[in-house]
Amino acid sequence: MGAESGLYVGCVTNHILRCFISGDNKLLVKAFTIYIRPNLEYNSIIWSPYLKKDIELLEKVQRRFTKRLHSLKHYKYGVRLTCLGLPSLELRRLHFDLLYCYKIVFGLVCLDVNKYFTFTSLPMRGHPYKLYKAQCENLKRRSFFTECIVNVWNSLHANVDFSSLPRFKKSIIQVDLSQFLKCNVH
């Protein structure tokens, strides 16, 4: 996200907070999720940041918005997110990555799974769709979607429902993925 984009998002966030007469947090959060969050998450599978400073820069938009909400400014960011029922933006990007990985693995997108992933032939605990993690020395390559999602994908428990995309989506929300997040929201 460039400086111009960040300035635009910040201006729109300010407009939402100033223009709504209602101080209802649910209404303001709804406006944020409709007008602001899509700009922050647009095409995140392709450009998803991997440097901590870039992740924090994106998260800062939601952090500042929630801090300005009525009766929440004295709480820490993680508590504000819990009170509002919002996940961190980093966690949402991780969920998007898992969903896209699911779509590739199960042929729901027009991509050949064999060009992006190799299934492991070794017997392993957990789910039966484990992916092979290749050794990668290049930092830029290591941060590429098909490289960085493998550890997260392989860590999913056997109780995650792989039977359909909606069931998978619902079941990964229950999984604790905090070990894969670079920024601490608390």
Protein backbone atom coordinates (compact mmCIF):
# COMPACT_ATOMS: atom_id res chain seq x y z
CA MET A 1 0.00 0.00 0.00
CA GLY A 2 1.60 3.23 -1.13
CA ALA A 3 1.53 6.56 0.68
CA GLU A 4 -1.28 7.82 -1.56
CA SER A 5 -3.40 4.74 -0.81
CA GLY A 6 -2.77 5.04 2.90
CA LEU A 7 -3.73 8.72 2.83
CA TYR A 8 -6.92 7.91 0.91
CA VAL A 9 -7.90 5.13 3.32
CA GLY A 10 -7.16 7.39 6.29
CA CYS A 11 -9.33 10.16 4.81
CA VAL A 12 -12.23 7.80 4.16
CA THR A 13 -11.90 6.42 7.69
CA ASN A 14 -12.08 9.96 9.07
CA HIS A 15 -15.13 10.70 6.90
CA ILE A 16 -16.92 7.65 8.27
CA LEU A 17 -16.24 8.67 11.86
CA ARG A 18 -17.24 12.31 11.25
CA CYS A 19 -20.23 11.85 8.96
CA PHE A 20 -22.22 9.33 10.92
CA ILE A 21 -24.32 11.10 13.52
CA SER A 22 -24.89 7.84 15.33
CA GLY A 23 -22.22 6.81 17.80
CA ASP A 24 -23.32 3.20 17.42
CA ASN A 25 -20.17 1.11 17.18
CA LYS A 26 -21.94 -1.66 15.22
CA LEU A 27 -22.97 0.80 12.52
CA LEU A 28 -19.52 2.37 12.32
CA VAL A 29 -17.81 -1.05 12.15
CA LYS A 30 -20.23 -2.07 9.40
CA ALA A 31 -19.27 1.05 7.44
CA PHE A 32 -15.59 0.27 8.02
CA THR A 33 -15.97 -3.32 6.79
CA ILE A 34 -17.89 -2.17 3.70
CA TYR A 35 -15.87 0.88 2.65
CA ILE A 36 -12.38 0.58 4.13
CA ARG A 37 -11.47 -3.07 4.61
CA PRO A 38 -11.94 -4.05 0.94
CA ASN A 39 -9.29 -1.47 0.01
CA LEU A 40 -6.89 -2.94 2.54
CA GLU A 41 -7.52 -6.52 1.43
CA TYR A 42 -7.81 -6.08 -2.33
CA ASN A 43 -5.95 -8.88 -4.11
CA SER A 44 -4.12 -9.76 -0.91
CA ILE A 45 -3.14 -13.22 -2.12
CA ILE A 46 -0.89 -11.62 -4.72
CA TRP A 47 0.56 -8.69 -2.78
CA SER A 48 0.24 -9.88 0.80
CA PRO A 49 3.00 -8.23 2.83
CA TYR A 50 5.58 -10.41 4.52
CA LEU A 51 7.70 -7.81 6.27
CA LYS A 52 6.57 -7.01 9.80
CA LYS A 53 6.71 -3.26 9.18
CA ASP A 54 4.36 -3.58 6.18
CA ILE A 55 1.95 -5.81 8.11
CA GLU A 56 1.91 -3.29 10.95
CA LEU A 57 1.31 -0.43 8.50
CA LEU A 58 -1.84 -2.11 7.22
CA GLU A 59 -2.97 -3.12 10.68
CA LYS A 60 -2.49 0.46 11.84
CA VAL A 61 -5.53 1.56 9.81
CA GLN A 62 -7.86 -0.79 11.68
CA ARG A 63 -6.06 -0.14 14.97
CA ARG A 64 -6.60 3.64 14.67
CA PHE A 65 -10.21 3.23 13.57
CA THR A 66 -11.13 1.01 16.51
CA LYS A 67 -9.32 3.32 18.93
CA ARG A 68 -11.56 6.21 17.87
CA LEU A 69 -14.79 4.31 18.52
CA HIS A 70 -16.97 5.37 21.42
CA SER A 71 -16.05 3.79 24.76
CA LEU A 72 -13.19 1.68 23.36
CA LYS A 73 -10.23 4.07 23.22
CA HIS A 74 -8.84 3.01 26.60
CA TYR A 75 -8.68 -0.69 25.69
CA LYS A 76 -5.81 -2.47 23.99
CA TYR A 77 -6.20 -3.34 20.32
CA GLY A 78 -6.81 -7.06 20.90
CA VAL A 79 -9.56 -6.31 23.41
CA ARG A 80 -11.17 -3.81 21.02
CA LEU A 81 -11.16 -6.43 18.25
CA THR A 82 -12.77 -8.98 20.57
CA CYS A 83 -15.44 -6.50 21.71
CA LEU A 84 -16.26 -5.64 18.09
CA GLY A 85 -16.07 -9.22 16.81
CA LEU A 86 -13.35 -8.33 14.31
CA PRO A 87 -10.28 -10.41 13.45
CA SER A 88 -6.98 -8.70 12.76
CA LEU A 89 -6.29 -7.90 9.11
CA GLU A 90 -3.28 -10.21 9.17
CA LEU A 91 -5.43 -13.11 10.33
CA ARG A 92 -7.99 -12.36 7.62
CA ARG A 93 -5.23 -12.45 4.98
CA LEU A 94 -4.07 -15.80 6.36
CA HIS A 95 -7.63 -17.14 6.10
CA PHE A 96 -7.84 -15.86 2.50
CA ASP A 97 -4.58 -17.64 1.72
CA LEU A 98 -5.86 -20.90 3.18
CA LEU A 99 -9.09 -20.60 1.21
CA TYR A 100 -7.18 -20.00 -2.01
CA CYS A 101 -4.89 -22.92 -1.26
CA TYR A 102 -8.00 -25.06 -0.79
CA LYS A 103 -9.34 -23.87 -4.14
CA ILE A 104 -6.07 -24.79 -5.88
CA VAL A 105 -5.71 -28.17 -4.15
CA PHE A 106 -9.28 -29.21 -4.91
CA GLY A 107 -9.41 -27.80 -8.46
CA LEU A 108 -11.90 -25.00 -7.82
CA VAL A 109 -9.83 -22.49 -9.81
CA CYS A 110 -8.32 -22.81 -13.27
CA LEU A 111 -4.82 -23.54 -12.01
CA ASP A 112 -2.96 -26.81 -12.22
CA VAL A 113 -2.26 -27.91 -8.66
CA ASN A 114 0.88 -29.73 -9.82
CA LYS A 115 2.48 -26.47 -10.97
CA TYR A 116 2.17 -24.96 -7.52
CA PHE A 117 2.17 -27.76 -4.97
CA THR A 118 3.45 -31.28 -4.50
CA PHE A 119 1.61 -33.62 -2.18
CA THR A 120 3.78 -35.40 0.33
CA SER A 121 4.02 -39.15 -0.07
CA LEU A 122 5.10 -39.75 3.52
CA PRO A 123 2.50 -40.89 6.03
CA MET A 124 1.79 -38.01 8.40
CA ARG A 125 -0.55 -37.18 11.23
CA GLY A 126 -3.46 -34.86 10.63
CA HIS A 127 -5.36 -34.39 7.42
CA PRO A 128 -4.60 -36.40 4.25
CA TYR A 129 -3.84 -33.38 2.02
CA LYS A 130 -0.37 -32.51 3.31
CA LEU A 131 1.88 -30.60 0.95
CA TYR A 132 5.60 -31.08 0.44
CA LYS A 133 7.71 -28.19 1.75
CA ALA A 134 10.68 -27.61 -0.52
CA GLN A 135 13.87 -26.00 0.76
CA CYS A 136 14.11 -22.41 -0.39
CA GLU A 137 17.08 -20.11 0.18
CA ASN A 138 15.76 -16.97 -1.53
CA LEU A 139 13.85 -14.67 0.87
CA LYS A 140 11.58 -13.31 -1.84
CA ARG A 141 10.72 -16.82 -3.00
CA ARG A 142 10.12 -17.94 0.58
CA SER A 143 7.51 -15.19 0.97
CA PHE A 144 5.68 -16.26 -2.21
CA PHE A 145 2.16 -17.57 -1.58
CA THR A 146 2.83 -21.18 -2.57
CA GLU A 147 5.86 -21.35 -0.28
CA CYS A 148 4.62 -19.60 2.85
CA ILE A 149 1.16 -21.22 2.96
CA VAL A 150 2.52 -24.79 3.09
CA ASN A 151 3.42 -24.71 6.81
CA VAL A 152 0.06 -23.23 7.73
CA TRP A 153 -1.82 -25.71 5.52
CA ASN A 154 0.10 -28.68 6.89
CA SER A 155 -0.53 -27.56 10.48
CA LEU A 156 -4.30 -27.81 10.10
CA HIS A 157 -5.81 -30.46 12.36
CA ALA A 158 -7.55 -33.59 11.19
CA ASN A 159 -10.83 -32.19 12.52
CA VAL A 160 -10.83 -29.42 9.88
CA ASP A 161 -13.63 -30.19 7.44
CA PHE A 162 -12.26 -30.52 3.90
CA SER A 163 -15.55 -31.82 2.41
CA SER A 164 -16.59 -28.49 0.84
CA LEU A 165 -15.35 -24.92 0.61
CA PRO A 166 -18.07 -23.46 2.90
CA ARG A 167 -17.40 -26.13 5.54
CA PHE A 168 -13.65 -25.60 5.23
CA LYS A 169 -14.12 -21.85 5.60
CA LYS A 170 -16.25 -22.32 8.69
CA SER A 171 -13.86 -24.80 10.30
CA ILE A 172 -10.63 -22.78 9.81
CA ILE A 173 -12.15 -19.86 11.68
CA GLN A 174 -12.06 -22.07 14.78
CA VAL A 175 -8.35 -22.94 14.33
CA ASP A 176 -5.78 -21.01 16.36
CA LEU A 177 -3.32 -19.67 13.78
CA SER A 178 -1.58 -17.21 16.12
CA GLN A 179 1.76 -19.00 15.76
CA PHE A 180 1.84 -17.93 12.09
CA LEU A 181 1.10 -14.25 12.73
CA LYS A 182 4.02 -11.86 12.77
CA CYS A 183 2.31 -9.01 14.62
CA ASN A 184 1.00 -9.25 18.12
CA VAL A 185 -2.44 -7.67 18.37
CA HIS A 186 -2.57 -7.65 22.16
